[in-house]
Amino acid sequence: MQTNTIVELVPVLQTAIALASLSALAAAILVILLFFTALLQWSSGWLIIVLFSICLLCLIGSLILFIRDINQSLTALKLELRLDGFEKV
C-alpha cells in the first residue's frame, strides 16, 4: 500500500475511534444519570434526551467514518494489486 494513502487514512480512522469512544462515554454517563434520576427522583428528561442523542450521533458518525475508511483501504488495495500485475481485481 502506498505511503500517501496510509497517511490519508489516519485522520479518518482517528476521528472514527474518537467518536466511538465519545459514544461509549455518553452511554456510561447516561446510565449513571438514569440511576441518580430514579434514586433521587429528579425530573431531568431533557438531559437524558440530550445525552442519548449525543450517544447516537457519535455512534452514527463513527460508523460512517469506519465504512469510509474500509472503502478507501479496499480501493488502495485494488490499486496496489493492479500495480503488482493482478488484472482481475
N, C-alpha and C. Protein backbone atom coordinates (compact mmCIF):
# COMPACT_ATOMS: atom_id res chain seq x y z
N MET A 1 0.86 -1.19 0.00
CA MET A 1 0.00 0.00 0.00
C MET A 1 0.90 1.24 0.00
N GLN A 2 0.51 2.24 -0.72
CA GLN A 2 1.33 3.43 -0.85
C GLN A 2 1.30 4.24 0.44
N THR A 3 2.41 4.91 0.73
CA THR A 3 2.53 5.68 1.95
C THR A 3 1.55 6.83 2.01
N ASN A 4 1.33 7.53 0.91
CA ASN A 4 0.41 8.68 0.93
C ASN A 4 -1.02 8.24 1.19
N THR A 5 -1.40 7.04 0.75
CA THR A 5 -2.74 6.53 1.03
C THR A 5 -2.91 6.23 2.51
N ILE A 6 -1.89 5.65 3.11
CA ILE A 6 -1.94 5.35 4.55
C ILE A 6 -2.05 6.64 5.35
N VAL A 7 -1.29 7.64 4.97
CA VAL A 7 -1.31 8.93 5.67
C VAL A 7 -2.68 9.59 5.56
N GLU A 8 -3.34 9.42 4.41
CA GLU A 8 -4.67 9.99 4.23
C GLU A 8 -5.72 9.27 5.08
N LEU A 9 -5.52 7.99 5.36
CA LEU A 9 -6.49 7.21 6.12
C LEU A 9 -6.40 7.44 7.63
N VAL A 10 -5.26 7.87 8.11
CA VAL A 10 -5.05 8.01 9.56
C VAL A 10 -6.04 8.98 10.21
N PRO A 11 -6.24 10.20 9.70
CA PRO A 11 -7.18 11.10 10.37
C PRO A 11 -8.62 10.59 10.38
N VAL A 12 -9.02 9.91 9.33
CA VAL A 12 -10.37 9.36 9.27
C VAL A 12 -10.55 8.31 10.36
N LEU A 13 -9.58 7.43 10.48
CA LEU A 13 -9.65 6.37 11.48
C LEU A 13 -9.56 6.94 12.89
N GLN A 14 -8.71 7.93 13.10
CA GLN A 14 -8.61 8.56 14.43
C GLN A 14 -9.93 9.21 14.83
N THR A 15 -10.57 9.89 13.90
CA THR A 15 -11.85 10.53 14.19
C THR A 15 -12.92 9.48 14.48
N ALA A 16 -12.93 8.39 13.72
CA ALA A 16 -13.90 7.32 13.95
C ALA A 16 -13.74 6.72 15.34
N ILE A 17 -12.50 6.49 15.75
CA ILE A 17 -12.23 5.93 17.08
C ILE A 17 -12.63 6.91 18.16
N ALA A 18 -12.35 8.19 17.95
CA ALA A 18 -12.72 9.21 18.94
C ALA A 18 -14.25 9.28 19.08
N LEU A 19 -14.97 9.23 17.98
CA LEU A 19 -16.43 9.28 18.04
C LEU A 19 -17.00 8.03 18.71
N ALA A 20 -16.42 6.87 18.45
CA ALA A 20 -16.87 5.65 19.11
C ALA A 20 -16.62 5.73 20.62
N SER A 21 -15.49 6.29 21.00
CA SER A 21 -15.18 6.46 22.42
C SER A 21 -16.14 7.45 23.08
N LEU A 22 -16.43 8.55 22.39
CA LEU A 22 -17.38 9.52 22.93
C LEU A 22 -18.78 8.92 23.06
N SER A 23 -19.15 8.06 22.13
CA SER A 23 -20.44 7.39 22.21
C SER A 23 -20.51 6.50 23.44
N ALA A 24 -19.46 5.74 23.69
CA ALA A 24 -19.42 4.87 24.87
C ALA A 24 -19.42 5.69 26.16
N LEU A 25 -18.69 6.79 26.17
CA LEU A 25 -18.66 7.67 27.33
C LEU A 25 -20.03 8.28 27.60
N ALA A 26 -20.70 8.74 26.55
CA ALA A 26 -22.04 9.32 26.71
C ALA A 26 -23.03 8.27 27.21
N ALA A 27 -22.89 7.03 26.74
CA ALA A 27 -23.77 5.96 27.19
C ALA A 27 -23.54 5.66 28.68
N ALA A 28 -22.28 5.66 29.10
CA ALA A 28 -21.97 5.42 30.51
C ALA A 28 -22.52 6.53 31.40
N ILE A 29 -22.35 7.77 30.97
CA ILE A 29 -22.88 8.91 31.73
C ILE A 29 -24.41 8.84 31.78
N LEU A 30 -25.01 8.42 30.68
CA LEU A 30 -26.46 8.29 30.61
C LEU A 30 -26.97 7.27 31.62
N VAL A 31 -26.30 6.13 31.72
CA VAL A 31 -26.70 5.10 32.68
C VAL A 31 -26.58 5.61 34.11
N ILE A 32 -25.49 6.30 34.41
CA ILE A 32 -25.31 6.88 35.75
C ILE A 32 -26.41 7.89 36.04
N LEU A 33 -26.70 8.74 35.08
CA LEU A 33 -27.75 9.74 35.24
C LEU A 33 -29.11 9.10 35.45
N LEU A 34 -29.39 8.02 34.73
CA LEU A 34 -30.66 7.32 34.93
C LEU A 34 -30.78 6.75 36.33
N PHE A 35 -29.70 6.20 36.86
CA PHE A 35 -29.73 5.69 38.23
C PHE A 35 -29.97 6.81 39.24
N PHE A 36 -29.25 7.92 39.09
CA PHE A 36 -29.45 9.04 40.01
C PHE A 36 -30.85 9.64 39.89
N THR A 37 -31.36 9.68 38.68
CA THR A 37 -32.71 10.20 38.46
C THR A 37 -33.73 9.35 39.19
N ALA A 38 -33.58 8.03 39.10
CA ALA A 38 -34.51 7.13 39.79
C ALA A 38 -34.31 7.17 41.30
N LEU A 39 -33.07 7.24 41.74
CA LEU A 39 -32.78 7.22 43.17
C LEU A 39 -33.21 8.50 43.87
N LEU A 40 -32.92 9.63 43.26
CA LEU A 40 -33.22 10.92 43.88
C LEU A 40 -34.52 11.55 43.38
N GLN A 41 -35.20 10.84 42.51
CA GLN A 41 -36.48 11.29 41.95
C GLN A 41 -36.36 12.68 41.31
N TRP A 42 -35.33 12.83 40.50
CA TRP A 42 -35.15 14.06 39.73
C TRP A 42 -36.00 13.98 38.47
N SER A 43 -36.35 15.12 37.97
CA SER A 43 -37.03 15.14 36.66
C SER A 43 -36.09 15.83 35.67
N SER A 44 -35.24 15.04 35.06
CA SER A 44 -34.25 15.58 34.13
C SER A 44 -34.39 14.91 32.77
N GLY A 45 -35.59 14.89 32.26
CA GLY A 45 -35.86 14.25 30.98
C GLY A 45 -35.10 14.88 29.83
N TRP A 46 -34.97 16.20 29.86
CA TRP A 46 -34.28 16.90 28.77
C TRP A 46 -32.81 16.50 28.72
N LEU A 47 -32.17 16.33 29.89
CA LEU A 47 -30.76 15.95 29.93
C LEU A 47 -30.57 14.53 29.41
N ILE A 48 -31.50 13.65 29.75
CA ILE A 48 -31.44 12.27 29.26
C ILE A 48 -31.58 12.24 27.75
N ILE A 49 -32.51 13.04 27.22
CA ILE A 49 -32.71 13.10 25.77
C ILE A 49 -31.45 13.63 25.08
N VAL A 50 -30.85 14.66 25.64
CA VAL A 50 -29.64 15.25 25.04
C VAL A 50 -28.48 14.23 25.05
N LEU A 51 -28.27 13.56 26.18
CA LEU A 51 -27.18 12.58 26.26
C LEU A 51 -27.42 11.41 25.32
N PHE A 52 -28.66 10.94 25.24
CA PHE A 52 -28.97 9.83 24.35
C PHE A 52 -28.75 10.24 22.89
N SER A 53 -29.14 11.46 22.55
CA SER A 53 -28.94 11.96 21.18
C SER A 53 -27.45 12.07 20.85
N ILE A 54 -26.66 12.59 21.79
CA ILE A 54 -25.21 12.69 21.60
C ILE A 54 -24.61 11.31 21.39
N CYS A 55 -25.04 10.36 22.19
CA CYS A 55 -24.55 8.99 22.09
C CYS A 55 -24.82 8.42 20.70
N LEU A 56 -26.05 8.56 20.23
CA LEU A 56 -26.40 8.00 18.92
C LEU A 56 -25.73 8.74 17.78
N LEU A 57 -25.63 10.06 17.85
CA LEU A 57 -24.97 10.83 16.79
C LEU A 57 -23.49 10.48 16.68
N CYS A 58 -22.82 10.32 17.82
CA CYS A 58 -21.41 9.92 17.80
C CYS A 58 -21.26 8.51 17.22
N LEU A 59 -22.16 7.61 17.58
CA LEU A 59 -22.10 6.26 17.05
C LEU A 59 -22.33 6.25 15.54
N ILE A 60 -23.31 7.00 15.07
CA ILE A 60 -23.58 7.09 13.63
C ILE A 60 -22.37 7.66 12.90
N GLY A 61 -21.81 8.75 13.42
CA GLY A 61 -20.63 9.36 12.79
C GLY A 61 -19.46 8.40 12.75
N SER A 62 -19.25 7.67 13.83
CA SER A 62 -18.16 6.71 13.88
C SER A 62 -18.34 5.60 12.85
N LEU A 63 -19.55 5.07 12.75
CA LEU A 63 -19.81 4.01 11.77
C LEU A 63 -19.63 4.49 10.34
N ILE A 64 -20.08 5.70 10.05
CA ILE A 64 -19.91 6.27 8.71
C ILE A 64 -18.42 6.40 8.38
N LEU A 65 -17.63 6.88 9.33
CA LEU A 65 -16.20 7.04 9.08
C LEU A 65 -15.48 5.70 8.96
N PHE A 66 -15.90 4.70 9.74
CA PHE A 66 -15.31 3.37 9.60
C PHE A 66 -15.60 2.79 8.22
N ILE A 67 -16.84 2.94 7.75
CA ILE A 67 -17.19 2.46 6.41
C ILE A 67 -16.37 3.19 5.35
N ARG A 68 -16.21 4.49 5.52
CA ARG A 68 -15.40 5.27 4.57
C ARG A 68 -13.95 4.78 4.56
N ASP A 69 -13.41 4.52 5.75
CA ASP A 69 -12.04 4.04 5.86
C ASP A 69 -11.88 2.68 5.18
N ILE A 70 -12.84 1.80 5.40
CA ILE A 70 -12.79 0.47 4.77
C ILE A 70 -12.83 0.60 3.25
N ASN A 71 -13.71 1.44 2.74
CA ASN A 71 -13.80 1.63 1.30
C ASN A 71 -12.51 2.21 0.72
N GLN A 72 -11.91 3.18 1.40
CA GLN A 72 -10.66 3.75 0.93
C GLN A 72 -9.53 2.72 0.97
N SER A 73 -9.51 1.90 2.01
CA SER A 73 -8.48 0.86 2.11
C SER A 73 -8.63 -0.17 1.00
N LEU A 74 -9.88 -0.57 0.71
CA LEU A 74 -10.10 -1.54 -0.36
C LEU A 74 -9.73 -0.96 -1.73
N THR A 75 -10.02 0.31 -1.94
CA THR A 75 -9.64 0.96 -3.19
C THR A 75 -8.13 1.00 -3.33
N ALA A 76 -7.44 1.34 -2.26
CA ALA A 76 -5.97 1.37 -2.30
C ALA A 76 -5.41 -0.02 -2.53
N LEU A 77 -6.01 -1.04 -1.94
CA LEU A 77 -5.55 -2.41 -2.14
C LEU A 77 -5.74 -2.84 -3.59
N LYS A 78 -6.88 -2.49 -4.18
CA LYS A 78 -7.11 -2.81 -5.59
C LYS A 78 -6.07 -2.15 -6.49
N LEU A 79 -5.76 -0.88 -6.21
CA LEU A 79 -4.73 -0.19 -7.00
C LEU A 79 -3.38 -0.86 -6.84
N GLU A 80 -3.06 -1.24 -5.63
CA GLU A 80 -1.78 -1.89 -5.36
C GLU A 80 -1.69 -3.24 -6.08
N LEU A 81 -2.79 -3.99 -6.05
CA LEU A 81 -2.79 -5.29 -6.73
C LEU A 81 -2.67 -5.14 -8.24
N ARG A 82 -3.30 -4.11 -8.78
CA ARG A 82 -3.19 -3.86 -10.23
C ARG A 82 -1.76 -3.50 -10.59
N LEU A 83 -1.09 -2.72 -9.73
CA LEU A 83 0.30 -2.36 -10.00
C LEU A 83 1.22 -3.58 -9.94
N ASP A 84 0.82 -4.57 -9.11
CA ASP A 84 1.62 -5.78 -9.00
C ASP A 84 1.30 -6.82 -10.07
N GLY A 85 0.37 -6.49 -10.97
CA GLY A 85 0.11 -7.38 -12.10
C GLY A 85 -1.13 -8.25 -11.98
N PHE A 86 -1.94 -8.06 -10.97
CA PHE A 86 -3.18 -8.80 -10.86
C PHE A 86 -4.26 -8.05 -11.65
N GLU A 87 -4.64 -8.58 -12.77
CA GLU A 87 -5.55 -7.88 -13.68
C GLU A 87 -7.02 -8.07 -13.33
N LYS A 88 -7.38 -9.15 -12.69
CA LYS A 88 -8.80 -9.49 -12.45
C LYS A 88 -9.31 -8.94 -11.12
N VAL A 89 -8.77 -7.87 -10.63
CA VAL A 89 -9.20 -7.30 -9.34
C VAL A 89 -10.13 -6.15 -9.59
